[in-house]
Amino acid sequence: MKLLLNSRLALAILCTFSGTAVIAAEADLNVNNNAARLTVEIPVDSNNLMFDGSWLHSNNGDAVSVAGHVTGKALSGPGPLKAGIGLRLSYVSYDDVTDEDGVNLGIGGFVRYTFPRYDRFLVGSSLYYAPNVLSFGDTDRFLDFTAWAGYSVIPNADIYAGWRKAEGKFDEAGSRNIDSGWIIGVRARF
C-alpha cells in the first residue's frame, strides 16, 4: 500500500512539472545497485528561481521531494560557479518491520562548477538537512547529500559519477540509510 502511495505521489509531482518541461527543463537519473533517483528541474530565469521534483527509490525505502531555490552565479563576474539556496519538502518512508514514514522540510542548496579552460568537465554537490523541529510524523531528522563529477558528452547532456547519502532518523528504527553509496547518472537539458 505504501509503495502504491509513493508511486502515486511521485507521478503527481512529475506530472505537475511535465506541463512546463517544454520551456527549458533538466532531467536527471542516477542509479546504483540498490537505488535510483529521478529528478526534474524547471528554471524560472526571469527571477533566478528553480523548482524541482524528485523520487529516490531504494531497497530500504523512498524519498519523494519538491524543492524551490534562488539561483545565480556564486562569484561576481563571468565565474563558472553556479549555486542555489532553498528548501526541500520530502516525504520519507523506511521499509522494515516498523514501516515508518514522515515529512521533512530540509534547508540547503547546491553548487555546480564548470572548469573554464576545460568546459566539458564539471563538479557539483548538494546538501539538505531537516532537523527535528522541521521533521514530522515518524521522522526526527533527514539528511540528503550528493557529490559528483561529470563530463558533458554533448552541450545538452552530461554523464557523471558520484556519491550519495540519504539518511533519516525514525522514532522506532533509529538512524537508517535510505541510500548510501556510489552512483552513476545522466543529465539532459531540454
Protein backbone atom coordinates (compact mmCIF):
# COMPACT_ATOMS: atom_id res chain seq x y z
CA MET A 1 0.00 0.00 0.00
CA LYS A 2 2.77 2.43 0.95
CA LEU A 3 4.64 1.76 -2.34
CA LEU A 4 1.43 2.48 -4.24
CA LEU A 5 1.04 5.78 -2.32
CA ASN A 6 4.70 6.67 -3.02
CA SER A 7 4.29 5.85 -6.70
CA ARG A 8 1.17 7.98 -6.99
CA LEU A 9 2.81 10.90 -5.17
CA ALA A 10 5.91 10.71 -7.39
CA LEU A 11 3.73 10.51 -10.52
CA ALA A 12 1.71 13.54 -9.38
CA ILE A 13 4.90 15.56 -8.83
CA LEU A 14 6.36 14.61 -12.21
CA CYS A 15 3.06 15.36 -13.98
CA THR A 16 2.94 18.76 -12.32
CA PHE A 17 6.37 19.58 -13.72
CA SER A 18 5.78 17.96 -17.11
CA GLY A 19 3.39 20.72 -18.19
CA THR A 20 6.24 23.22 -18.07
CA ALA A 21 9.02 20.88 -19.17
CA VAL A 22 8.82 22.20 -22.73
CA ILE A 23 10.09 25.65 -21.68
CA ALA A 24 13.61 24.55 -20.57
CA ALA A 25 13.92 21.72 -18.14
CA GLU A 26 16.60 19.41 -16.90
CA ALA A 27 16.05 15.70 -16.27
CA ASP A 28 18.49 13.69 -14.16
CA LEU A 29 18.55 9.95 -13.50
CA ASN A 30 21.17 8.33 -11.28
CA VAL A 31 21.43 4.75 -10.08
CA ASN A 32 23.41 2.20 -8.12
CA ASN A 33 22.69 -1.48 -7.42
CA ASN A 34 20.16 -0.66 -4.68
CA ALA A 35 18.59 2.68 -5.62
CA ALA A 36 17.51 5.06 -8.37
CA ARG A 37 16.70 8.79 -8.25
CA LEU A 38 14.80 10.67 -10.94
CA THR A 39 14.81 14.48 -10.74
CA VAL A 40 13.16 17.06 -12.98
CA GLU A 41 14.26 20.71 -12.64
CA ILE A 42 12.34 23.69 -14.02
CA PRO A 43 14.14 27.07 -14.06
CA VAL A 44 12.26 30.37 -13.91
CA ASP A 45 15.04 32.52 -15.39
CA SER A 46 13.42 35.91 -15.05
CA ASN A 47 13.54 35.65 -11.25
CA ASN A 48 16.57 33.34 -10.81
CA LEU A 49 14.26 30.72 -9.35
CA MET A 50 14.37 26.98 -9.89
CA PHE A 51 11.90 24.31 -8.84
CA ASP A 52 12.46 20.56 -8.85
CA GLY A 53 10.72 17.34 -8.07
CA SER A 54 12.48 14.05 -7.36
CA TRP A 55 11.84 10.47 -6.37
CA LEU A 56 14.52 8.37 -4.70
CA HIS A 57 13.52 4.71 -4.59
CA SER A 58 15.74 2.16 -2.85
CA ASN A 59 15.58 -1.30 -1.35
CA ASN A 60 15.32 0.41 2.06
CA GLY A 61 12.62 2.99 1.37
CA ASP A 62 11.62 6.05 -0.60
CA ALA A 63 12.03 9.82 -0.53
CA VAL A 64 9.71 11.92 -2.70
CA SER A 65 10.62 15.61 -2.74
CA VAL A 66 9.75 19.02 -4.14
CA ALA A 67 12.12 21.97 -3.80
CA GLY A 68 12.46 25.64 -4.61
CA HIS A 69 15.74 27.55 -4.93
CA VAL A 70 17.04 31.03 -5.52
CA THR A 71 19.91 30.53 -8.00
CA GLY A 72 22.70 32.53 -9.53
CA LYS A 73 26.43 32.85 -10.04
CA ALA A 74 28.25 32.36 -6.76
CA LEU A 75 31.11 34.65 -7.82
CA SER A 76 30.96 38.15 -9.26
CA GLY A 77 31.79 38.48 -12.95
CA PRO A 78 31.58 35.67 -15.51
CA GLY A 79 32.50 33.00 -12.97
CA PRO A 80 31.74 29.34 -13.71
CA LEU A 81 30.36 28.62 -10.20
CA LYS A 82 26.55 28.38 -10.04
CA ALA A 83 24.73 27.95 -6.73
CA GLY A 84 21.23 27.66 -5.35
CA ILE A 85 19.88 28.03 -1.83
CA GLY A 86 16.42 26.88 -0.86
CA LEU A 87 14.02 24.50 0.82
CA ARG A 88 13.17 20.87 0.06
CA LEU A 89 9.95 19.27 1.29
CA SER A 90 10.35 15.48 1.43
CA TYR A 91 8.06 12.57 2.21
CA VAL A 92 10.34 9.81 3.53
CA SER A 93 9.44 6.19 4.26
CA TYR A 94 11.60 3.43 5.67
CA ASP A 95 10.56 -0.11 4.80
CA ASP A 96 11.36 -2.50 7.61
CA VAL A 97 9.30 -4.16 10.34
CA THR A 98 8.45 -0.75 11.84
CA ASP A 99 7.22 0.65 8.48
CA GLU A 100 7.76 4.30 9.46
CA ASP A 101 7.29 7.48 7.41
CA GLY A 102 7.21 11.24 7.79
CA VAL A 103 7.53 14.64 6.17
CA ASN A 104 10.64 16.82 6.43
CA LEU A 105 11.41 20.40 5.45
CA GLY A 106 15.11 20.49 4.60
CA ILE A 107 17.24 23.62 4.35
CA GLY A 108 20.17 23.55 1.94
CA GLY A 109 21.32 24.05 -1.58
CA PHE A 110 23.65 23.06 -4.37
CA VAL A 111 26.79 24.21 -6.19
CA ARG A 112 27.99 23.40 -9.74
CA TYR A 113 31.39 24.33 -11.09
CA THR A 114 32.40 24.18 -14.76
CA PHE A 115 36.13 24.27 -15.39
CA PRO A 116 36.77 27.39 -17.56
CA ARG A 117 39.56 26.02 -19.76
CA TYR A 118 38.01 22.56 -19.92
CA ASP A 119 34.34 23.50 -20.10
CA ARG A 120 33.13 19.94 -20.63
CA PHE A 121 34.28 18.92 -17.13
CA LEU A 122 32.10 19.83 -14.16
CA VAL A 123 31.70 19.01 -10.47
CA GLY A 124 28.90 19.62 -8.05
CA SER A 125 27.34 18.89 -4.73
CA SER A 126 24.06 19.31 -2.87
CA LEU A 127 23.15 19.15 0.81
CA TYR A 128 19.77 19.37 2.53
CA TYR A 129 19.19 18.91 6.25
CA ALA A 130 15.90 18.78 8.15
CA PRO A 131 16.44 18.87 11.93
CA ASN A 132 13.96 17.52 14.46
CA VAL A 133 12.00 20.78 14.61
CA LEU A 134 11.31 20.54 10.82
CA SER A 135 10.56 16.79 10.80
CA PHE A 136 7.07 15.42 11.28
CA GLY A 137 5.38 12.04 11.55
CA ASP A 138 7.71 9.15 12.44
CA THR A 139 10.88 11.02 11.41
CA ASP A 140 13.15 13.00 13.72
CA ARG A 141 15.58 14.30 11.05
CA PHE A 142 16.57 13.80 7.43
CA LEU A 143 19.87 14.35 5.60
CA ASP A 144 20.33 14.23 1.83
CA PHE A 145 23.88 14.73 0.47
CA THR A 146 25.30 14.16 -3.02
CA ALA A 147 28.71 14.96 -4.57
CA TRP A 148 29.59 14.22 -8.20
CA ALA A 149 31.98 14.83 -11.10
CA GLY A 150 30.89 14.73 -14.72
CA TYR A 151 31.59 15.26 -18.38
CA SER A 152 29.37 16.99 -21.00
CA VAL A 153 29.22 14.49 -23.83
CA ILE A 154 27.22 16.97 -25.91
CA PRO A 155 26.19 20.53 -24.94
CA ASN A 156 22.83 19.41 -23.55
CA ALA A 157 23.75 16.09 -21.90
CA ASP A 158 26.17 15.03 -19.17
CA ILE A 159 27.31 11.76 -17.68
CA TYR A 160 28.62 11.68 -14.13
CA ALA A 161 29.67 9.56 -11.17
CA GLY A 162 29.40 10.45 -7.52
CA TRP A 163 28.42 9.50 -4.01
CA ARG A 164 25.05 9.88 -2.24
CA LYS A 165 23.88 9.58 1.35
CA ALA A 166 20.19 9.86 2.21
CA GLU A 167 19.59 9.11 5.87
CA GLY A 168 16.64 9.54 8.18
CA LYS A 169 16.23 9.16 11.91
CA PHE A 170 12.98 7.42 12.74
CA ASP A 171 11.08 7.09 16.02
CA GLU A 172 11.43 3.31 16.39
CA ALA A 173 14.06 2.28 13.82
CA GLY A 174 16.60 4.98 14.78
CA SER A 175 19.08 6.28 12.17
CA ARG A 176 18.67 4.42 8.90
CA ASN A 177 20.07 4.85 5.39
CA ILE A 178 17.52 5.22 2.64
CA ASP A 179 20.55 5.03 0.34
CA SER A 180 24.31 5.37 0.76
CA GLY A 181 26.95 4.67 -1.84
CA TRP A 182 28.40 5.36 -5.26
CA ILE A 183 26.12 6.41 -8.13
CA ILE A 184 26.34 6.86 -11.89
CA GLY A 185 23.99 9.14 -13.76
CA VAL A 186 22.90 11.00 -16.86
CA ARG A 187 21.55 14.54 -17.06
CA ALA A 188 19.82 16.12 -20.08
CA ARG A 189 18.70 19.70 -20.69
CA PHE A 190 15.72 20.46 -22.96
